[in-house]
Protein backbone atom coordinates (compact mmCIF):
# COMPACT_ATOMS: atom_id res chain seq x y z
CA MET A 1 3.00 -16.60 2.67
CA ASP A 2 1.92 -18.77 -0.33
CA GLU A 3 -0.88 -18.12 -2.89
CA GLU A 4 -3.44 -20.06 -0.94
CA GLN A 5 -2.74 -18.06 2.25
CA LEU A 6 -3.06 -14.85 0.17
CA ARG A 7 -6.49 -15.99 -1.08
CA GLN A 8 -7.55 -16.61 2.52
CA MET A 9 -6.30 -13.31 3.61
CA ALA A 10 -8.21 -11.64 0.72
CA ALA A 11 -11.41 -13.51 1.72
CA GLN A 12 -11.08 -12.35 5.36
CA ALA A 13 -10.44 -8.75 4.25
CA LEU A 14 -13.49 -8.81 1.95
CA ALA A 15 -15.58 -10.09 4.90
CA GLN A 16 -14.34 -7.14 6.95
CA GLY A 17 -15.39 -4.56 4.38
CA TRP A 18 -12.09 -4.01 2.60
CA GLU A 19 -11.72 -3.85 -1.16
CA VAL A 20 -9.22 -6.44 -2.48
CA PHE A 21 -6.96 -6.03 -5.50
CA GLU A 22 -4.90 -8.88 -6.87
CA HIS A 23 -1.66 -8.66 -8.70
CA GLN A 24 -0.76 -11.43 -11.12
CA GLN A 25 2.63 -12.38 -12.41
CA GLY A 26 2.93 -15.09 -15.03
CA GLY A 27 -0.67 -16.13 -14.47
CA ARG A 28 -0.13 -16.65 -10.71
CA LEU A 29 -1.22 -14.67 -7.76
CA ALA A 30 1.84 -12.59 -6.75
CA GLY A 31 0.22 -10.32 -4.15
CA ILE A 32 -2.81 -8.53 -2.94
CA ALA A 33 -3.61 -5.02 -1.73
CA ILE A 34 -6.48 -4.16 0.51
CA LEU A 35 -8.07 -0.75 0.66
CA ARG A 36 -10.70 0.84 2.86
CA GLY A 37 -11.05 4.54 2.25
CA THR A 38 -7.49 5.68 2.09
CA GLU A 39 -6.05 2.91 4.26
CA PHE A 40 -3.83 0.64 2.29
CA HIS A 41 -1.98 -2.65 3.07
CA CYS A 42 -0.28 -5.13 0.80
CA GLN A 43 1.26 -8.54 0.90
CA LEU A 44 3.35 -10.46 -1.61
CA ALA A 45 3.41 -14.26 -1.95
CA HIS A 46 6.63 -15.98 -1.15
CA GLY A 47 9.08 -15.88 -4.01
CA PHE A 48 7.59 -12.89 -5.90
CA ARG A 49 9.08 -9.48 -6.19
CA LEU A 50 7.71 -6.34 -7.75
CA ARG A 51 9.89 -3.93 -9.72
CA ARG A 52 9.37 -0.30 -8.78
CA ALA A 53 7.59 0.52 -12.01
CA GLU A 54 5.30 -2.42 -11.53
CA MET A 55 4.43 -1.36 -7.97
CA ARG A 56 3.84 2.24 -9.03
CA GLU A 57 1.42 1.18 -11.82
CA PHE A 58 -0.41 -1.24 -9.46
CA LEU A 59 -0.82 1.65 -6.98
CA ARG A 60 -1.76 4.37 -9.41
CA PRO A 61 -5.56 3.78 -9.61
CA LEU A 62 -5.79 3.27 -5.81
CA PHE A 63 -3.73 6.38 -5.11
CA ASN A 64 -5.67 8.52 -7.61
CA ARG A 65 -8.94 7.92 -5.81
CA HIS A 66 -8.04 10.38 -3.05
CA GLY A 67 -4.60 11.62 -4.05
CA CYS A 68 -2.96 9.81 -1.09
CA LEU A 69 -2.89 6.55 0.71
CA THR A 70 -2.54 5.91 4.46
CA THR A 71 -1.35 2.91 6.46
CA ARG A 72 -0.54 1.90 9.98
CA VAL A 73 2.14 -0.35 11.42
CA ALA A 74 2.47 -1.88 14.86
CA HIS A 75 5.18 -0.41 17.05
CA THR A 76 6.85 -3.80 17.17
CA ASP A 77 6.95 -4.28 13.38
CA VAL A 78 10.24 -2.53 12.63
CA ARG A 79 10.63 -4.30 9.21
CA ASN A 80 7.31 -2.81 7.87
CA GLN A 81 8.18 0.59 9.29
CA ARG A 82 11.42 0.56 7.32
CA PHE A 83 9.52 -0.61 4.16
CA ASN A 84 6.96 2.25 4.56
CA ARG A 85 9.66 4.85 4.85
CA ALA A 86 11.62 3.38 1.85
CA PHE A 87 8.42 3.34 -0.16
CA GLY A 88 7.78 7.04 0.50
CA PHE A 89 5.23 6.90 3.36
CA GLU A 90 5.76 9.65 5.93
CA LYS A 91 5.00 9.03 9.57
CA THR A 92 2.23 11.34 10.76
CA TRP A 93 1.52 10.31 14.34
CA SER A 94 1.49 7.36 16.78
CA ASP A 95 -0.81 6.07 19.50
CA GLU A 96 -0.19 3.34 22.06
CA GLN A 97 -0.33 0.55 19.43
CA TRP A 98 0.28 1.93 15.91
CA HIS A 99 2.42 4.28 13.93
CA TYR A 100 0.39 6.03 11.21
CA TYR A 101 1.74 6.97 7.75
CA VAL A 102 0.60 8.93 4.70
CA LEU A 103 1.76 8.65 1.12
CA THR A 104 1.16 11.97 -0.66
CA THR A 105 3.04 11.38 -3.89
CA LEU A 106 2.96 8.25 -6.08
CA PRO A 107 6.22 6.50 -5.40
CA PHE A 108 9.11 6.10 -7.90
CA GLU A 109 7.52 8.52 -10.31
CA LYS A 110 10.28 10.11 -12.47
CA ALA A 111 7.86 11.53 -15.03
CA ASP A 112 6.04 13.64 -12.38
CA GLN A 113 9.13 15.08 -10.68
CA GLY A 114 8.50 18.74 -10.02
CA LYS A 115 4.75 18.42 -10.23
CA GLU A 116 2.84 18.95 -7.06
CA HIS A 117 0.47 16.18 -5.94
CA ARG A 118 -1.86 17.15 -3.12
CA CYS A 119 -3.72 14.78 -0.99
CA GLN A 120 -7.37 15.64 -1.34
CA LEU A 121 -7.88 15.01 2.40
CA LEU A 122 -5.25 17.50 3.51
CA PRO A 123 -5.96 21.25 3.74
CA GLN A 124 -5.04 23.09 0.57
């Protein structure tokens, strides 16, 4: 996906009621994240990579809104299922079309090891 395709994706997401967050690298659009409530999805432009620390800092303000993020992935999208697990999302349930995931701790956070982060949507 190139930068123009990302911009088109962002415009479609805005029209559907999602918030859109851009990530720039070297003055170019490297990726976008979309958020509606706690539901989160992201996409990088071809040729860009995010370091773990960069991804964590990009996610921090989105994550801190509710203390968690959720996402869903189609049953057939094995690559994104692996990405979600590697990223720290935990599978919560599935229906006939989607697997649903929750991220209850900010990923790759060495400074917060040992501290408890609770999703504000989960029972205390």
